Amino acid sequence: MRAIFFNLLPVLLVFIFPPNGQADEFKRDIPNATWESIYFEPINQLAAKAGWKSLRVGPLPAGSLEIRIWIISMMPLRGYALRQDGSHWTGSYLADTVQHTNLVMASNLTPKSGWDKLWSRLVQLDLLTLPDSCTLQGEKGFFDGVSYVVEMNHDGGYRTYQYGNPEEQTWPEAKKIQSIVEALQVEFSKQ
């Protein structure tokens, strides 16, 4: 009996203390809000058409992160993806061409001012920490306009949040999400 215990001890320790400091459970922070199921149906469809893997499936390798910022409006769905693997960055733009087809418009992106400056600006605007708008008080509702959905996979977890019609909201967080999208549009314009 004692020999069996000592033979199983390394296996038990791996479950108790996972290698490389990685958590054995992938954390998902997904708001329980009506926008989530409504917006992620077309987001998931477009990502699948482009061959992008879902960020919700599991953790990225250590030292990696991926952020996607989706723009939802009367125009076809479009979005930006920013990926960091160690010190290497990549950027992509994706847009649906015509709904109900398998055609998408995709392009690789490089920021005009460089990745370090862009990333510093996005972090300064709280891209990683903005709360979901459903947690803020006094939201003004509209039936049309633009919504921004942010999803991210980093530090062993997944998180998403959304802002609808931020130009009509009074929260400082709404102004930050507008500034985030504007920074991306300026950095990646005419590419």
C-alpha atoms as a PDB file:
ATOM      1  CA  MET A   1       0.000   0.000   0.000  1.00  0.00           C
ATOM      2  CA  ARG A   2       2.807   2.388   0.912  1.00  0.00           C
ATOM      3  CA  ALA A   3       4.578   1.739  -2.420  1.00  0.00           C
ATOM      4  CA  ILE A   4       1.386   2.555  -4.351  1.00  0.00           C
ATOM      5  CA  PHE A   5       1.050   5.860  -2.477  1.00  0.00           C
ATOM      6  CA  PHE A   6       4.637   6.891  -3.291  1.00  0.00           C
ATOM      7  CA  ASN A   7       4.190   5.888  -6.948  1.00  0.00           C
ATOM      8  CA  LEU A   8       1.039   8.027  -7.185  1.00  0.00           C
ATOM      9  CA  LEU A   9       2.495  10.983  -5.270  1.00  0.00           C
ATOM     10  CA  PRO A  10       4.006  12.719  -8.359  1.00  0.00           C
ATOM     11  CA  VAL A  11       0.661  12.454 -10.165  1.00  0.00           C
ATOM     12  CA  LEU A  12      -1.205  13.895  -7.185  1.00  0.00           C
ATOM     13  CA  LEU A  13       1.260  16.775  -6.901  1.00  0.00           C
ATOM     14  CA  VAL A  14       0.722  17.712 -10.571  1.00  0.00           C
ATOM     15  CA  PHE A  15      -3.019  18.044  -9.907  1.00  0.00           C
ATOM     16  CA  ILE A  16      -2.507  20.029  -6.712  1.00  0.00           C
ATOM     17  CA  PHE A  17       0.335  22.194  -8.051  1.00  0.00           C
ATOM     18  CA  PRO A  18       0.060  22.443 -11.859  1.00  0.00           C
ATOM     19  CA  PRO A  19       3.350  22.831 -13.794  1.00  0.00           C
ATOM     20  CA  ASN A  20       4.538  26.286 -14.913  1.00  0.00           C
ATOM     21  CA  GLY A  21       2.242  27.969 -12.388  1.00  0.00           C
ATOM     22  CA  GLN A  22      -0.758  27.515 -14.700  1.00  0.00           C
ATOM     23  CA  ALA A  23      -4.159  27.215 -13.105  1.00  0.00           C
ATOM     24  CA  ASP A  24      -5.888  23.918 -13.683  1.00  0.00           C
ATOM     25  CA  GLU A  25      -9.150  25.730 -14.406  1.00  0.00           C
ATOM     26  CA  PHE A  26      -9.688  28.188 -17.230  1.00  0.00           C
ATOM     27  CA  LYS A  27     -11.554  31.196 -15.801  1.00  0.00           C
ATOM     28  CA  ARG A  28     -14.305  32.812 -17.861  1.00  0.00           C
ATOM     29  CA  ASP A  29     -15.739  36.222 -16.992  1.00  0.00           C
ATOM     30  CA  ILE A  30     -18.842  36.475 -19.175  1.00  0.00           C
ATOM     31  CA  PRO A  31     -21.598  38.881 -18.094  1.00  0.00           C
ATOM     32  CA  ASN A  32     -25.054  37.443 -17.606  1.00  0.00           C
ATOM     33  CA  ALA A  33     -26.537  40.075 -19.914  1.00  0.00           C
ATOM     34  CA  THR A  34     -28.886  39.901 -22.900  1.00  0.00           C
ATOM     35  CA  TRP A  35     -26.313  41.438 -25.254  1.00  0.00           C
ATOM     36  CA  GLU A  36     -23.958  38.487 -24.812  1.00  0.00           C
ATOM     37  CA  SER A  37     -26.044  35.809 -26.535  1.00  0.00           C
ATOM     38  CA  ILE A  38     -27.362  38.254 -29.154  1.00  0.00           C
ATOM     39  CA  TYR A  39     -23.966  39.625 -30.213  1.00  0.00           C
ATOM     40  CA  PHE A  40     -21.883  36.471 -29.952  1.00  0.00           C
ATOM     41  CA  GLU A  41     -23.955  34.545 -32.462  1.00  0.00           C
ATOM     42  CA  PRO A  42     -22.762  36.711 -35.408  1.00  0.00           C
ATOM     43  CA  ILE A  43     -19.316  37.222 -33.830  1.00  0.00           C
ATOM     44  CA  ASN A  44     -18.772  33.472 -33.582  1.00  0.00           C
ATOM     45  CA  GLN A  45     -20.061  32.939 -37.123  1.00  0.00           C
ATOM     46  CA  LEU A  46     -17.715  35.569 -38.590  1.00  0.00           C
ATOM     47  CA  ALA A  47     -14.724  34.313 -36.604  1.00  0.00           C
ATOM     48  CA  ALA A  48     -15.411  30.752 -37.779  1.00  0.00           C
ATOM     49  CA  LYS A  49     -15.684  31.886 -41.426  1.00  0.00           C
ATOM     50  CA  ALA A  50     -12.256  33.501 -41.079  1.00  0.00           C
ATOM     51  CA  GLY A  51     -10.778  30.432 -39.402  1.00  0.00           C
ATOM     52  CA  TRP A  52     -10.250  32.195 -36.065  1.00  0.00           C
ATOM     53  CA  LYS A  53     -10.457  29.980 -32.989  1.00  0.00           C
ATOM     54  CA  SER A  54     -12.732  30.997 -30.151  1.00  0.00           C
ATOM     55  CA  LEU A  55     -10.955  32.801 -27.328  1.00  0.00           C
ATOM     56  CA  ARG A  56     -13.289  31.082 -24.834  1.00  0.00           C
ATOM     57  CA  VAL A  57     -11.990  27.549 -25.367  1.00  0.00           C
ATOM     58  CA  GLY A  58      -8.892  27.566 -23.158  1.00  0.00           C
ATOM     59  CA  PRO A  59      -5.852  29.507 -22.040  1.00  0.00           C
ATOM     60  CA  LEU A  60      -3.230  30.763 -24.434  1.00  0.00           C
ATOM     61  CA  PRO A  61       0.408  29.776 -23.851  1.00  0.00           C
ATOM     62  CA  ALA A  62       2.267  31.640 -21.108  1.00  0.00           C
ATOM     63  CA  GLY A  63       3.413  35.054 -22.338  1.00  0.00           C
ATOM     64  CA  SER A  64       0.599  35.348 -24.888  1.00  0.00           C
ATOM     65  CA  LEU A  65      -2.547  37.423 -25.039  1.00  0.00           C
ATOM     66  CA  GLU A  66      -5.214  38.108 -27.620  1.00  0.00           C
ATOM     67  CA  ILE A  67      -7.717  40.949 -27.649  1.00  0.00           C
ATOM     68  CA  ARG A  68     -10.582  41.303 -30.119  1.00  0.00           C
ATOM     69  CA  ILE A  69     -12.633  44.477 -30.449  1.00  0.00           C
ATOM     70  CA  TRP A  70     -15.853  43.988 -32.428  1.00  0.00           C
ATOM     71  CA  ILE A  71     -17.871  46.832 -33.964  1.00  0.00           C
ATOM     72  CA  ILE A  72     -21.562  46.088 -34.278  1.00  0.00           C
ATOM     73  CA  SER A  73     -23.772  48.505 -36.207  1.00  0.00           C
ATOM     74  CA  MET A  74     -26.009  48.707 -39.258  1.00  0.00           C
ATOM     75  CA  MET A  75     -22.890  48.042 -41.355  1.00  0.00           C
ATOM     76  CA  PRO A  76     -21.527  44.494 -41.671  1.00  0.00           C
ATOM     77  CA  LEU A  77     -19.848  43.179 -38.528  1.00  0.00           C
ATOM     78  CA  ARG A  78     -16.156  44.010 -38.290  1.00  0.00           C
ATOM     79  CA  GLY A  79     -13.400  43.776 -35.741  1.00  0.00           C
ATOM     80  CA  TYR A  80      -9.763  44.051 -34.780  1.00  0.00           C
ATOM     81  CA  ALA A  81      -7.607  41.312 -33.280  1.00  0.00           C
ATOM     82  CA  LEU A  82      -4.359  42.104 -31.481  1.00  0.00           C
ATOM     83  CA  ARG A  83      -2.119  39.193 -30.508  1.00  0.00           C
ATOM     84  CA  GLN A  84       1.067  39.155 -28.476  1.00  0.00           C
ATOM     85  CA  ASP A  85       3.321  36.098 -28.217  1.00  0.00           C
ATOM     86  CA  GLY A  86       6.278  37.010 -26.063  1.00  0.00           C
ATOM     87  CA  SER A  87       7.653  40.204 -27.621  1.00  0.00           C
ATOM     88  CA  HIS A  88       6.079  39.573 -31.049  1.00  0.00           C
ATOM     89  CA  TRP A  89       2.823  41.353 -31.975  1.00  0.00           C
ATOM     90  CA  THR A  90       0.395  40.734 -34.826  1.00  0.00           C
ATOM     91  CA  GLY A  91      -2.751  42.568 -35.794  1.00  0.00           C
ATOM     92  CA  SER A  92      -5.687  41.688 -38.009  1.00  0.00           C
ATOM     93  CA  TYR A  93      -8.821  43.352 -39.284  1.00  0.00           C
ATOM     94  CA  LEU A  94     -11.844  41.262 -40.212  1.00  0.00           C
ATOM     95  CA  ALA A  95     -15.125  42.320 -41.791  1.00  0.00           C
ATOM     96  CA  ASP A  96     -18.134  40.414 -43.021  1.00  0.00           C
ATOM     97  CA  THR A  97     -18.760  41.124 -46.702  1.00  0.00           C
ATOM     98  CA  VAL A  98     -22.284  39.853 -47.237  1.00  0.00           C
ATOM     99  CA  GLN A  99     -24.255  37.980 -44.648  1.00  0.00           C
ATOM    100  CA  HIS A 100     -25.128  34.366 -45.381  1.00  0.00           C
ATOM    101  CA  THR A 101     -21.985  33.800 -47.481  1.00  0.00           C
ATOM    102  CA  ASN A 102     -18.574  32.473 -46.560  1.00  0.00           C
ATOM    103  CA  LEU A 103     -16.787  35.572 -47.824  1.00  0.00           C
ATOM    104  CA  VAL A 104     -14.893  37.769 -45.376  1.00  0.00           C
ATOM    105  CA  MET A 105     -12.484  40.644 -45.793  1.00  0.00           C
ATOM    106  CA  ALA A 106      -9.318  40.151 -43.758  1.00  0.00           C
ATOM    107  CA  SER A 107      -6.062  42.042 -43.585  1.00  0.00           C
ATOM    108  CA  ASN A 108      -2.930  42.062 -41.468  1.00  0.00           C
ATOM    109  CA  LEU A 109      -2.208  45.261 -39.590  1.00  0.00           C
ATOM    110  CA  THR A 110       0.791  47.116 -38.228  1.00  0.00           C
ATOM    111  CA  PRO A 111       0.238  50.293 -36.178  1.00  0.00           C
ATOM    112  CA  LYS A 112       1.693  53.498 -37.589  1.00  0.00           C
ATOM    113  CA  SER A 113       3.318  54.478 -34.283  1.00  0.00           C
ATOM    114  CA  GLY A 114       4.506  50.948 -33.447  1.00  0.00           C
ATOM    115  CA  TRP A 115       3.163  48.220 -31.191  1.00  0.00           C
ATOM    116  CA  ASP A 116       4.676  49.534 -27.949  1.00  0.00           C
ATOM    117  CA  LYS A 117       3.088  52.985 -28.294  1.00  0.00           C
ATOM    118  CA  LEU A 118      -0.285  51.575 -29.348  1.00  0.00           C
ATOM    119  CA  TRP A 119      -0.339  49.034 -26.533  1.00  0.00           C
ATOM    120  CA  SER A 120       0.659  51.681 -23.955  1.00  0.00           C
ATOM    121  CA  ARG A 121      -2.198  53.884 -25.167  1.00  0.00           C
ATOM    122  CA  LEU A 122      -4.743  51.046 -24.986  1.00  0.00           C
ATOM    123  CA  VAL A 123      -3.631  50.057 -21.481  1.00  0.00           C
ATOM    124  CA  GLN A 124      -3.785  53.732 -20.422  1.00  0.00           C
ATOM    125  CA  LEU A 125      -7.421  53.741 -21.630  1.00  0.00           C
ATOM    126  CA  ASP A 126      -8.127  50.681 -19.418  1.00  0.00           C
ATOM    127  CA  LEU A 127      -8.765  48.244 -22.276  1.00  0.00           C
ATOM    128  CA  LEU A 128      -8.003  45.288 -19.979  1.00  0.00           C
ATOM    129  CA  THR A 129     -10.037  46.477 -16.994  1.00  0.00           C
ATOM    130  CA  LEU A 130     -13.117  48.366 -18.225  1.00  0.00           C
ATOM    131  CA  PRO A 131     -16.286  46.958 -16.665  1.00  0.00           C
ATOM    132  CA  ASP A 132     -19.201  45.691 -18.694  1.00  0.00           C
ATOM    133  CA  SER A 133     -21.681  48.523 -19.232  1.00  0.00           C
ATOM    134  CA  CYS A 134     -24.472  46.486 -17.606  1.00  0.00           C
ATOM    135  CA  THR A 135     -22.738  47.074 -14.255  1.00  0.00           C
ATOM    136  CA  LEU A 136     -22.887  50.869 -14.633  1.00  0.00           C
ATOM    137  CA  GLN A 137     -25.807  53.013 -13.541  1.00  0.00           C
ATOM    138  CA  GLY A 138     -27.984  55.181 -15.765  1.00  0.00           C
ATOM    139  CA  GLU A 139     -27.559  53.544 -19.149  1.00  0.00           C
ATOM    140  CA  LYS A 140     -29.470  55.267 -21.930  1.00  0.00           C
ATOM    141  CA  GLY A 141     -31.016  52.674 -24.245  1.00  0.00           C
ATOM    142  CA  PHE A 142     -31.340  53.007 -28.005  1.00  0.00           C
ATOM    143  CA  PHE A 143     -32.603  50.637 -30.674  1.00  0.00           C
ATOM    144  CA  ASP A 144     -29.905  51.402 -33.217  1.00  0.00           C
ATOM    145  CA  GLY A 145     -26.441  52.860 -33.246  1.00  0.00           C
ATOM    146  CA  VAL A 146     -23.086  51.244 -32.603  1.00  0.00           C
ATOM    147  CA  SER A 147     -21.956  48.755 -29.963  1.00  0.00           C
ATOM    148  CA  TYR A 148     -18.443  47.676 -29.119  1.00  0.00           C
ATOM    149  CA  VAL A 149     -17.722  44.205 -27.769  1.00  0.00           C
ATOM    150  CA  VAL A 150     -14.290  43.463 -26.350  1.00  0.00           C
ATOM    151  CA  GLU A 151     -13.090  39.943 -25.663  1.00  0.00           C
ATOM    152  CA  MET A 152      -9.708  38.904 -24.353  1.00  0.00           C
ATOM    153  CA  ASN A 153      -7.759  35.825 -23.453  1.00  0.00           C
ATOM    154  CA  HIS A 154      -4.784  36.373 -21.168  1.00  0.00           C
ATOM    155  CA  ASP A 155      -3.391  35.365 -17.787  1.00  0.00           C
ATOM    156  CA  GLY A 156      -5.164  31.993 -17.924  1.00  0.00           C
ATOM    157  CA  GLY A 157      -8.647  33.375 -18.447  1.00  0.00           C
ATOM    158  CA  TYR A 158     -11.211  34.827 -20.776  1.00  0.00           C
ATOM    159  CA  ARG A 159     -13.185  38.043 -20.318  1.00  0.00           C
ATOM    160  CA  THR A 160     -15.690  40.008 -22.389  1.00  0.00           C
ATOM    161  CA  TYR A 161     -17.562  43.284 -22.016  1.00  0.00           C
ATOM    162  CA  GLN A 162     -19.743  45.555 -24.148  1.00  0.00           C
ATOM    163  CA  TYR A 163     -20.723  49.210 -24.574  1.00  0.00           C
ATOM    164  CA  GLY A 164     -23.787  50.181 -26.583  1.00  0.00           C
ATOM    165  CA  ASN A 165     -24.003  53.674 -28.049  1.00  0.00           C
ATOM    166  CA  PRO A 166     -21.137  54.993 -25.910  1.00  0.00           C
ATOM    167  CA  GLU A 167     -21.356  58.404 -27.586  1.00  0.00           C
ATOM    168  CA  GLU A 168     -24.758  58.837 -25.907  1.00  0.00           C
ATOM    169  CA  GLN A 169     -23.666  57.673 -22.432  1.00  0.00           C
ATOM    170  CA  THR A 170     -22.288  59.924 -19.710  1.00  0.00           C
ATOM    171  CA  TRP A 171     -19.893  57.488 -18.012  1.00  0.00           C
ATOM    172  CA  PRO A 172     -16.151  58.112 -18.281  1.00  0.00           C
ATOM    173  CA  GLU A 173     -15.837  54.424 -19.260  1.00  0.00           C
ATOM    174  CA  ALA A 174     -17.951  55.071 -22.383  1.00  0.00           C
ATOM    175  CA  LYS A 175     -15.554  57.801 -23.457  1.00  0.00           C
ATOM    176  CA  LYS A 176     -12.637  55.420 -22.941  1.00  0.00           C
ATOM    177  CA  ILE A 177     -14.093  52.720 -25.195  1.00  0.00           C
ATOM    178  CA  GLN A 178     -14.685  55.359 -27.867  1.00  0.00           C
ATOM    179  CA  SER A 179     -11.060  56.470 -27.519  1.00  0.00           C
ATOM    180  CA  ILE A 180      -9.870  52.856 -27.773  1.00  0.00           C
ATOM    181  CA  VAL A 181     -11.705  52.329 -31.060  1.00  0.00           C
ATOM    182  CA  GLU A 182     -10.573  55.724 -32.383  1.00  0.00           C
ATOM    183  CA  ALA A 183      -6.937  54.861 -31.549  1.00  0.00           C
ATOM    184  CA  LEU A 184      -7.249  51.622 -33.519  1.00  0.00           C
ATOM    185  CA  GLN A 185      -8.850  53.387 -36.471  1.00  0.00           C
ATOM    186  CA  VAL A 186      -6.128  56.058 -36.560  1.00  0.00           C
ATOM    187  CA  GLU A 187      -3.264  53.567 -36.149  1.00  0.00           C
ATOM    188  CA  PHE A 188      -4.566  51.196 -38.806  1.00  0.00           C
ATOM    189  CA  SER A 189      -6.095  53.609 -41.324  1.00  0.00           C
ATOM    190  CA  LYS A 190      -5.150  53.266 -45.014  1.00  0.00           C
ATOM    191  CA  GLN A 191      -3.581  49.835 -44.722  1.00  0.00           C
END
